[in-house]
């Protein structure tokens, strides 16, 4: 469990100070039939408690966000280069 806490801490350090990752993690868990409050998720993300399901969901949310940002960067580069976007 401690390895997840370290990974989560490192991931959280790369995120903006104010973000909605706890809310998005709660929503992902709910879509999987698991009920957690935003406060419970936040307590797990800050290392107060450990929970593998929440850790996995949070990592999934961060991965999706990184993919979204990368795709947006590609689109922005194409838009500024004058080439048509597909």
PDB file of N, CA and C in Angstrom:
ATOM      1  N   UNK A   1       0.806  -1.195   0.000  1.00  0.00           N
ATOM      2  CA  UNK A   1       0.000   0.000   0.000  1.00  0.00           C
ATOM      3  C   UNK A   1       0.853   1.264   0.000  1.00  0.00           C
ATOM      4  N   UNK A   2       1.997   1.191   0.648  1.00  0.00           N
ATOM      5  CA  UNK A   2       2.838   2.380   0.711  1.00  0.00           C
ATOM      6  C   UNK A   2       3.347   2.792  -0.664  1.00  0.00           C
ATOM      7  N   UNK A   3       3.545   1.804  -1.559  1.00  0.00           N
ATOM      8  CA  UNK A   3       3.993   2.151  -2.905  1.00  0.00           C
ATOM      9  C   UNK A   3       2.924   2.963  -3.634  1.00  0.00           C
ATOM     10  N   UNK A   4       1.644   2.672  -3.405  1.00  0.00           N
ATOM     11  CA  UNK A   4       0.564   3.452  -4.010  1.00  0.00           C
ATOM     12  C   UNK A   4       0.552   4.866  -3.441  1.00  0.00           C
ATOM     13  N   UNK A   5       0.775   4.986  -2.142  1.00  0.00           N
ATOM     14  CA  UNK A   5       0.773   6.309  -1.508  1.00  0.00           C
ATOM     15  C   UNK A   5       1.868   7.178  -2.114  1.00  0.00           C
ATOM     16  N   UNK A   6       3.027   6.599  -2.370  1.00  0.00           N
ATOM     17  CA  UNK A   6       4.130   7.361  -2.962  1.00  0.00           C
ATOM     18  C   UNK A   6       3.785   7.769  -4.390  1.00  0.00           C
ATOM     19  N   UNK A   7       3.242   6.852  -5.168  1.00  0.00           N
ATOM     20  CA  UNK A   7       2.862   7.150  -6.551  1.00  0.00           C
ATOM     21  C   UNK A   7       1.793   8.240  -6.587  1.00  0.00           C
ATOM     22  N   UNK A   8       0.784   8.106  -5.744  1.00  0.00           N
ATOM     23  CA  UNK A   8      -0.288   9.102  -5.695  1.00  0.00           C
ATOM     24  C   UNK A   8       0.274  10.462  -5.300  1.00  0.00           C
ATOM     25  N   UNK A   9       1.162  10.481  -4.326  1.00  0.00           N
ATOM     26  CA  UNK A   9       1.767  11.738  -3.897  1.00  0.00           C
ATOM     27  C   UNK A   9       2.539  12.384  -5.048  1.00  0.00           C
ATOM     28  N   UNK A  10       3.291  11.594  -5.792  1.00  0.00           N
ATOM     29  CA  UNK A  10       4.052  12.120  -6.926  1.00  0.00           C
ATOM     30  C   UNK A  10       3.119  12.633  -8.022  1.00  0.00           C
ATOM     31  N   UNK A  11       2.049  11.898  -8.288  1.00  0.00           N
ATOM     32  CA  UNK A  11       1.078  12.340  -9.290  1.00  0.00           C
ATOM     33  C   UNK A  11       0.404  13.639  -8.863  1.00  0.00           C
ATOM     34  N   UNK A  12       0.012  13.700  -7.599  1.00  0.00           N
ATOM     35  CA  UNK A  12      -0.655  14.908  -7.102  1.00  0.00           C
ATOM     36  C   UNK A  12       0.253  16.126  -7.222  1.00  0.00           C
ATOM     37  N   UNK A  13       1.560  15.930  -7.050  1.00  0.00           N
ATOM     38  CA  UNK A  13       2.506  17.045  -7.137  1.00  0.00           C
ATOM     39  C   UNK A  13       2.585  17.619  -8.549  1.00  0.00           C
ATOM     40  N   UNK A  14       2.223  16.826  -9.557  1.00  0.00           N
ATOM     41  CA  UNK A  14       2.275  17.298 -10.944  1.00  0.00           C
ATOM     42  C   UNK A  14       0.995  18.012 -11.365  1.00  0.00           C
ATOM     43  N   UNK A  15      -0.029  17.960 -10.526  1.00  0.00           N
ATOM     44  CA  UNK A  15      -1.323  18.542 -10.873  1.00  0.00           C
ATOM     45  C   UNK A  15      -1.421  19.984 -10.398  1.00  0.00           C
ATOM     46  N   UNK A  16      -2.304  20.760 -11.030  1.00  0.00           N
ATOM     47  CA  UNK A  16      -2.535  22.117 -10.533  1.00  0.00           C
ATOM     48  C   UNK A  16      -3.046  22.076  -9.096  1.00  0.00           C
ATOM     49  N   UNK A  17      -2.768  23.123  -8.340  1.00  0.00           N
ATOM     50  CA  UNK A  17      -3.197  23.169  -6.928  1.00  0.00           C
ATOM     51  C   UNK A  17      -4.699  22.972  -6.772  1.00  0.00           C
ATOM     52  N   UNK A  18      -5.457  23.691  -7.587  1.00  0.00           N
ATOM     53  CA  UNK A  18      -6.913  23.575  -7.518  1.00  0.00           C
ATOM     54  C   UNK A  18      -7.368  22.750  -8.717  1.00  0.00           C
ATOM     55  N   UNK A  19      -7.923  21.589  -8.432  1.00  0.00           N
ATOM     56  CA  UNK A  19      -8.378  20.727  -9.517  1.00  0.00           C
ATOM     57  C   UNK A  19      -9.592  19.933  -9.061  1.00  0.00           C
ATOM     58  N   UNK A  20     -10.165  19.191  -9.985  1.00  0.00           N
ATOM     59  CA  UNK A  20     -11.367  18.421  -9.664  1.00  0.00           C
ATOM     60  C   UNK A  20     -11.126  16.911  -9.745  1.00  0.00           C
ATOM     61  N   UNK A  21      -9.897  16.488  -9.497  1.00  0.00           N
ATOM     62  CA  UNK A  21      -9.578  15.075  -9.624  1.00  0.00           C
ATOM     63  C   UNK A  21     -10.261  14.212  -8.566  1.00  0.00           C
ATOM     64  N   UNK A  22     -10.473  14.738  -7.365  1.00  0.00           N
ATOM     65  CA  UNK A  22     -11.196  13.962  -6.344  1.00  0.00           C
ATOM     66  C   UNK A  22     -12.632  13.720  -6.806  1.00  0.00           C
ATOM     67  N   UNK A  23     -13.279  14.768  -7.321  1.00  0.00           N
ATOM     68  CA  UNK A  23     -14.660  14.619  -7.810  1.00  0.00           C
ATOM     69  C   UNK A  23     -14.709  13.630  -8.968  1.00  0.00           C
ATOM     70  N   UNK A  24     -13.779  13.759  -9.894  1.00  0.00           N
ATOM     71  CA  UNK A  24     -13.770  12.860 -11.047  1.00  0.00           C
ATOM     72  C   UNK A  24     -13.480  11.421 -10.630  1.00  0.00           C
ATOM     73  N   UNK A  25     -12.666  11.246  -9.591  1.00  0.00           N
ATOM     74  CA  UNK A  25     -12.393   9.900  -9.066  1.00  0.00           C
ATOM     75  C   UNK A  25     -13.654   9.320  -8.444  1.00  0.00           C
ATOM     76  N   UNK A  26     -14.395  10.140  -7.695  1.00  0.00           N
ATOM     77  CA  UNK A  26     -15.674   9.693  -7.101  1.00  0.00           C
ATOM     78  C   UNK A  26     -16.628   9.259  -8.206  1.00  0.00           C
ATOM     79  N   UNK A  27     -16.702  10.045  -9.279  1.00  0.00           N
ATOM     80  CA  UNK A  27     -17.600   9.710 -10.391  1.00  0.00           C
ATOM     81  C   UNK A  27     -17.189   8.409 -11.072  1.00  0.00           C
ATOM     82  N   UNK A  28     -15.888   8.203 -11.263  1.00  0.00           N
ATOM     83  CA  UNK A  28     -15.424   6.958 -11.877  1.00  0.00           C
ATOM     84  C   UNK A  28     -15.750   5.764 -10.986  1.00  0.00           C
ATOM     85  N   UNK A  29     -15.507   5.912  -9.691  1.00  0.00           N
ATOM     86  CA  UNK A  29     -15.830   4.828  -8.760  1.00  0.00           C
ATOM     87  C   UNK A  29     -17.331   4.533  -8.767  1.00  0.00           C
ATOM     88  N   UNK A  30     -18.155   5.578  -8.818  1.00  0.00           N
ATOM     89  CA  UNK A  30     -19.613   5.395  -8.847  1.00  0.00           C
ATOM     90  C   UNK A  30     -20.028   4.645 -10.109  1.00  0.00           C
ATOM     91  N   UNK A  31     -19.361   4.936 -11.235  1.00  0.00           N
ATOM     92  CA  UNK A  31     -19.693   4.231 -12.476  1.00  0.00           C
ATOM     93  C   UNK A  31     -19.340   2.750 -12.387  1.00  0.00           C
ATOM     94  N   UNK A  32     -18.468   2.420 -11.440  1.00  0.00           N
ATOM     95  CA  UNK A  32     -18.078   1.023 -11.205  1.00  0.00           C
ATOM     96  C   UNK A  32     -18.863   0.398 -10.061  1.00  0.00           C
ATOM     97  N   UNK A  33     -19.851   1.142  -9.549  1.00  0.00           N
ATOM     98  CA  UNK A  33     -20.709   0.612  -8.493  1.00  0.00           C
ATOM     99  C   UNK A  33     -20.149   0.764  -7.091  1.00  0.00           C
ATOM    100  N   UNK A  34     -19.134   1.609  -6.917  1.00  0.00           N
ATOM    101  CA  UNK A  34     -18.537   1.835  -5.596  1.00  0.00           C
ATOM    102  C   UNK A  34     -18.913   3.228  -5.106  1.00  0.00           C
ATOM    103  N   UNK A  35     -19.285   3.328  -3.846  1.00  0.00           N
ATOM    104  CA  UNK A  35     -19.725   4.597  -3.301  1.00  0.00           C
ATOM    105  C   UNK A  35     -18.691   5.148  -2.328  1.00  0.00           C
ATOM    106  N   UNK A  36     -18.146   6.306  -2.683  1.00  0.00           N
ATOM    107  CA  UNK A  36     -17.210   7.028  -1.830  1.00  0.00           C
ATOM    108  C   UNK A  36     -17.599   8.504  -1.878  1.00  0.00           C
ATOM    109  N   UNK A  37     -17.425   9.184  -0.767  1.00  0.00           N
ATOM    110  CA  UNK A  37     -17.638  10.622  -0.772  1.00  0.00           C
ATOM    111  C   UNK A  37     -16.358  11.295  -1.277  1.00  0.00           C
ATOM    112  N   UNK A  38     -16.491  12.546  -1.670  1.00  0.00           N
ATOM    113  CA  UNK A  38     -15.325  13.292  -2.115  1.00  0.00           C
ATOM    114  C   UNK A  38     -14.315  13.417  -0.969  1.00  0.00           C
ATOM    115  N   UNK A  39     -14.809  13.581   0.252  1.00  0.00           N
ATOM    116  CA  UNK A  39     -13.922  13.691   1.414  1.00  0.00           C
ATOM    117  C   UNK A  39     -13.163  12.393   1.654  1.00  0.00           C
ATOM    118  N   UNK A  40     -13.829  11.252   1.505  1.00  0.00           N
ATOM    119  CA  UNK A  40     -13.144   9.972   1.663  1.00  0.00           C
ATOM    120  C   UNK A  40     -12.030   9.831   0.635  1.00  0.00           C
ATOM    121  N   UNK A  41     -12.341  10.162  -0.610  1.00  0.00           N
ATOM    122  CA  UNK A  41     -11.347  10.065  -1.678  1.00  0.00           C
ATOM    123  C   UNK A  41     -10.192  11.018  -1.389  1.00  0.00           C
ATOM    124  N   UNK A  42     -10.507  12.239  -1.002  1.00  0.00           N
ATOM    125  CA  UNK A  42      -9.460  13.212  -0.694  1.00  0.00           C
ATOM    126  C   UNK A  42      -8.550  12.692   0.424  1.00  0.00           C
ATOM    127  N   UNK A  43      -9.135  12.109   1.467  1.00  0.00           N
ATOM    128  CA  UNK A  43      -8.335  11.564   2.572  1.00  0.00           C
ATOM    129  C   UNK A  43      -7.414  10.447   2.099  1.00  0.00           C
ATOM    130  N   UNK A  44      -7.876   9.658   1.164  1.00  0.00           N
ATOM    131  CA  UNK A  44      -7.041   8.588   0.610  1.00  0.00           C
ATOM    132  C   UNK A  44      -5.942   9.188  -0.261  1.00  0.00           C
ATOM    133  N   UNK A  45      -6.288  10.184  -1.082  1.00  0.00           N
ATOM    134  CA  UNK A  45      -5.308  10.802  -1.971  1.00  0.00           C
ATOM    135  C   UNK A  45      -4.228  11.557  -1.204  1.00  0.00           C
ATOM    136  N   UNK A  46      -4.564  12.065  -0.030  1.00  0.00           N
ATOM    137  CA  UNK A  46      -3.569  12.783   0.762  1.00  0.00           C
ATOM    138  C   UNK A  46      -2.765  11.845   1.662  1.00  0.00           C
ATOM    139  N   UNK A  47      -3.057  10.550   1.613  1.00  0.00           N
ATOM    140  CA  UNK A  47      -2.274   9.574   2.362  1.00  0.00           C
ATOM    141  C   UNK A  47      -2.765   9.287   3.762  1.00  0.00           C
ATOM    142  N   UNK A  48      -3.897   9.846   4.102  1.00  0.00           N
ATOM    143  CA  UNK A  48      -4.436   9.623   5.442  1.00  0.00           C
ATOM    144  C   UNK A  48      -4.895   8.173   5.620  1.00  0.00           C
ATOM    145  N   UNK A  49      -5.498   7.625   4.564  1.00  0.00           N
ATOM    146  CA  UNK A  49      -5.950   6.235   4.549  1.00  0.00           C
ATOM    147  C   UNK A  49      -5.458   5.596   3.258  1.00  0.00           C
ATOM    148  N   UNK A  50      -5.520   4.282   3.191  1.00  0.00           N
ATOM    149  CA  UNK A  50      -5.098   3.567   1.986  1.00  0.00           C
ATOM    150  C   UNK A  50      -6.260   2.758   1.432  1.00  0.00           C
ATOM    151  N   UNK A  51      -6.414   2.791   0.108  1.00  0.00           N
ATOM    152  CA  UNK A  51      -7.464   2.020  -0.548  1.00  0.00           C
ATOM    153  C   UNK A  51      -7.046   1.793  -1.996  1.00  0.00           C
ATOM    154  N   UNK A  52      -6.883   0.540  -2.364  1.00  0.00           N
ATOM    155  CA  UNK A  52      -6.408   0.193  -3.700  1.00  0.00           C
ATOM    156  C   UNK A  52      -7.400   0.594  -4.785  1.00  0.00           C
ATOM    157  N   UNK A  53      -8.697   0.436  -4.544  1.00  0.00           N
ATOM    158  CA  UNK A  53      -9.706   0.806  -5.546  1.00  0.00           C
ATOM    159  C   UNK A  53      -9.638   2.297  -5.865  1.00  0.00           C
ATOM    160  N   UNK A  54      -9.519   3.108  -4.834  1.00  0.00           N
ATOM    161  CA  UNK A  54      -9.443   4.556  -5.034  1.00  0.00           C
ATOM    162  C   UNK A  54      -8.136   4.925  -5.719  1.00  0.00           C
ATOM    163  N   UNK A  55      -7.040   4.296  -5.325  1.00  0.00           N
ATOM    164  CA  UNK A  55      -5.748   4.570  -5.960  1.00  0.00           C
ATOM    165  C   UNK A  55      -5.807   4.257  -7.447  1.00  0.00           C
ATOM    166  N   UNK A  56      -6.376   3.117  -7.793  1.00  0.00           N
ATOM    167  CA  UNK A  56      -6.475   2.714  -9.197  1.00  0.00           C
ATOM    168  C   UNK A  56      -7.361   3.673  -9.979  1.00  0.00           C
ATOM    169  N   UNK A  57      -8.471   4.072  -9.391  1.00  0.00           N
ATOM    170  CA  UNK A  57      -9.386   5.004 -10.069  1.00  0.00           C
ATOM    171  C   UNK A  57      -8.723   6.366 -10.264  1.00  0.00           C
ATOM    172  N   UNK A  58      -8.021   6.842  -9.252  1.00  0.00           N
ATOM    173  CA  UNK A  58      -7.334   8.130  -9.360  1.00  0.00           C
ATOM    174  C   UNK A  58      -6.281   8.087 -10.466  1.00  0.00           C
ATOM    175  N   UNK A  59      -5.502   7.024 -10.512  1.00  0.00           N
ATOM    176  CA  UNK A  59      -4.481   6.888 -11.554  1.00  0.00           C
ATOM    177  C   UNK A  59      -5.140   6.859 -12.927  1.00  0.00           C
ATOM    178  N   UNK A  60      -6.268   6.188 -13.059  1.00  0.00           N
ATOM    179  CA  UNK A  60      -7.005   6.168 -14.326  1.00  0.00           C
ATOM    180  C   UNK A  60      -7.460   7.558 -14.725  1.00  0.00           C
ATOM    181  N   UNK A  61      -7.961   8.331 -13.768  1.00  0.00           N
ATOM    182  CA  UNK A  61      -8.412   9.697 -14.043  1.00  0.00           C
ATOM    183  C   UNK A  61      -7.238  10.550 -14.510  1.00  0.00           C
ATOM    184  N   UNK A  62      -6.099  10.433 -13.844  1.00  0.00           N
ATOM    185  CA  UNK A  62      -4.923  11.219 -14.223  1.00  0.00           C
ATOM    186  C   UNK A  62      -4.431  10.804 -15.614  1.00  0.00           C
ATOM    187  N   UNK A  63      -4.424   9.502 -15.894  1.00  0.00           N
ATOM    188  CA  UNK A  63      -4.007   9.035 -17.231  1.00  0.00           C
ATOM    189  C   UNK A  63      -4.904   9.605 -18.315  1.00  0.00           C
ATOM    190  N   UNK A  64      -6.208   9.592 -18.086  1.00  0.00           N
ATOM    191  CA  UNK A  64      -7.143  10.146 -19.067  1.00  0.00           C
ATOM    192  C   UNK A  64      -6.911  11.636 -19.278  1.00  0.00           C
ATOM    193  N   UNK A  65      -6.655  12.342 -18.199  1.00  0.00           N
ATOM    194  CA  UNK A  65      -6.413  13.784 -18.303  1.00  0.00           C
ATOM    195  C   UNK A  65      -5.132  14.059 -19.099  1.00  0.00           C
ATOM    196  N   UNK A  66      -4.106  13.259 -18.850  1.00  0.00           N
ATOM    197  CA  UNK A  66      -2.850  13.444 -19.588  1.00  0.00           C
ATOM    198  C   UNK A  66      -3.046  13.162 -21.079  1.00  0.00           C
ATOM    199  N   UNK A  67      -3.846  12.150 -21.412  1.00  0.00           N
ATOM    200  CA  UNK A  67      -4.150  11.860 -22.821  1.00  0.00           C
ATOM    201  C   UNK A  67      -4.918  13.023 -23.441  1.00  0.00           C
ATOM    202  N   UNK A  68      -5.881  13.566 -22.708  1.00  0.00           N
ATOM    203  CA  UNK A  68      -6.688  14.682 -23.206  1.00  0.00           C
ATOM    204  C   UNK A  68      -5.808  15.908 -23.462  1.00  0.00           C
ATOM    205  N   UNK A  69      -4.918  16.209 -22.530  1.00  0.00           N
ATOM    206  CA  UNK A  69      -4.041  17.368 -22.676  1.00  0.00           C
ATOM    207  C   UNK A  69      -3.083  17.167 -23.853  1.00  0.00           C
ATOM    208  N   UNK A  70      -2.546  15.953 -24.007  1.00  0.00           N
ATOM    209  CA  UNK A  70      -1.634  15.673 -25.122  1.00  0.00           C
ATOM    210  C   UNK A  70      -2.354  15.841 -26.459  1.00  0.00           C
ATOM    211  N   UNK A  71      -3.578  15.346 -26.546  1.00  0.00           N
ATOM    212  CA  UNK A  71      -4.352  15.488 -27.783  1.00  0.00           C
ATOM    213  C   UNK A  71      -4.654  16.959 -28.062  1.00  0.00           C
ATOM    214  N   UNK A  72      -4.941  17.708 -27.015  1.00  0.00           N
ATOM    215  CA  UNK A  72      -5.205  19.130 -27.174  1.00  0.00           C
ATOM    216  C   UNK A  72      -3.957  19.865 -27.650  1.00  0.00           C
ATOM    217  N   UNK A  73      -2.798  19.476 -27.144  1.00  0.00           N
ATOM    218  CA  UNK A  73      -1.542  20.091 -27.579  1.00  0.00           C
ATOM    219  C   UNK A  73      -1.284  19.817 -29.054  1.00  0.00           C
ATOM    220  N   UNK A  74      -1.564  18.598 -29.506  1.00  0.00           N
ATOM    221  CA  UNK A  74      -1.404  18.255 -30.918  1.00  0.00           C
ATOM    222  C   UNK A  74      -2.341  19.117 -31.757  1.00  0.00           C
ATOM    223  N   UNK A  75      -3.595  19.223 -31.349  1.00  0.00           N
ATOM    224  CA  UNK A  75      -4.566  20.042 -32.087  1.00  0.00           C
ATOM    225  C   UNK A  75      -4.141  21.502 -32.122  1.00  0.00           C
ATOM    226  N   UNK A  76      -3.665  22.019 -30.995  1.00  0.00           N
ATOM    227  CA  UNK A  76      -3.234  23.420 -30.940  1.00  0.00           C
ATOM    228  C   UNK A  76      -2.027  23.660 -31.844  1.00  0.00           C
ATOM    229  N   UNK A  77      -1.117  22.709 -31.887  1.00  0.00           N
ATOM    230  CA  UNK A  77       0.056  22.829 -32.756  1.00  0.00           C
ATOM    231  C   UNK A  77      -0.360  22.843 -34.220  1.00  0.00           C
ATOM    232  N   UNK A  78      -1.287  21.966 -34.569  1.00  0.00           N
ATOM    233  CA  UNK A  78      -1.788  21.928 -35.941  1.00  0.00           C
ATOM    234  C   UNK A  78      -2.508  23.225 -36.299  1.00  0.00           C
ATOM    235  N   UNK A  79      -3.287  23.731 -35.363  1.00  0.00           N
ATOM    236  CA  UNK A  79      -4.053  24.952 -35.613  1.00  0.00           C
ATOM    237  C   UNK A  79      -3.129  26.153 -35.791  1.00  0.00           C
ATOM    238  N   UNK A  80      -2.049  26.199 -35.076  1.00  0.00           N
ATOM    239  CA  UNK A  80      -1.138  27.338 -35.183  1.00  0.00           C
ATOM    240  C   UNK A  80      -0.161  27.197 -36.351  1.00  0.00           C
ATOM    241  N   UNK A  81      -0.033  25.990 -36.905  1.00  0.00           N
ATOM    242  CA  UNK A  81       0.882  25.801 -38.035  1.00  0.00           C
ATOM    243  C   UNK A  81       0.212  26.115 -39.360  1.00  0.00           C
ATOM    244  N   UNK A  82      -1.079  26.329 -39.346  1.00  0.00           N
ATOM    245  CA  UNK A  82      -1.796  26.669 -40.562  1.00  0.00           C
ATOM    246  C   UNK A  82      -2.283  25.461 -41.349  1.00  0.00           C
ATOM    247  N   UNK A  83      -1.960  24.266 -40.864  1.00  0.00           N
ATOM    248  CA  UNK A  83      -2.435  23.053 -41.530  1.00  0.00           C
ATOM    249  C   UNK A  83      -3.831  22.727 -41.045  1.00  0.00           C
ATOM    250  N   UNK A  84      -4.692  22.205 -41.905  1.00  0.00           N
ATOM    251  CA  UNK A  84      -6.056  21.876 -41.457  1.00  0.00           C
ATOM    252  C   UNK A  84      -6.056  20.725 -40.460  1.00  0.00           C
ATOM    253  N   UNK A  85      -6.911  20.831 -39.458  1.00  0.00           N
ATOM    254  CA  UNK A  85      -7.078  19.759 -38.466  1.00  0.00           C
ATOM    255  C   UNK A  85      -7.996  18.691 -39.025  1.00  0.00           C
ATOM    256  N   UNK A  86      -7.756  17.455 -38.646  1.00  0.00           N
ATOM    257  CA  UNK A  86      -8.618  16.349 -39.089  1.00  0.00           C
ATOM    258  C   UNK A  86      -9.587  15.997 -38.013  1.00  0.00           C
TER     259      UNK A  86
END
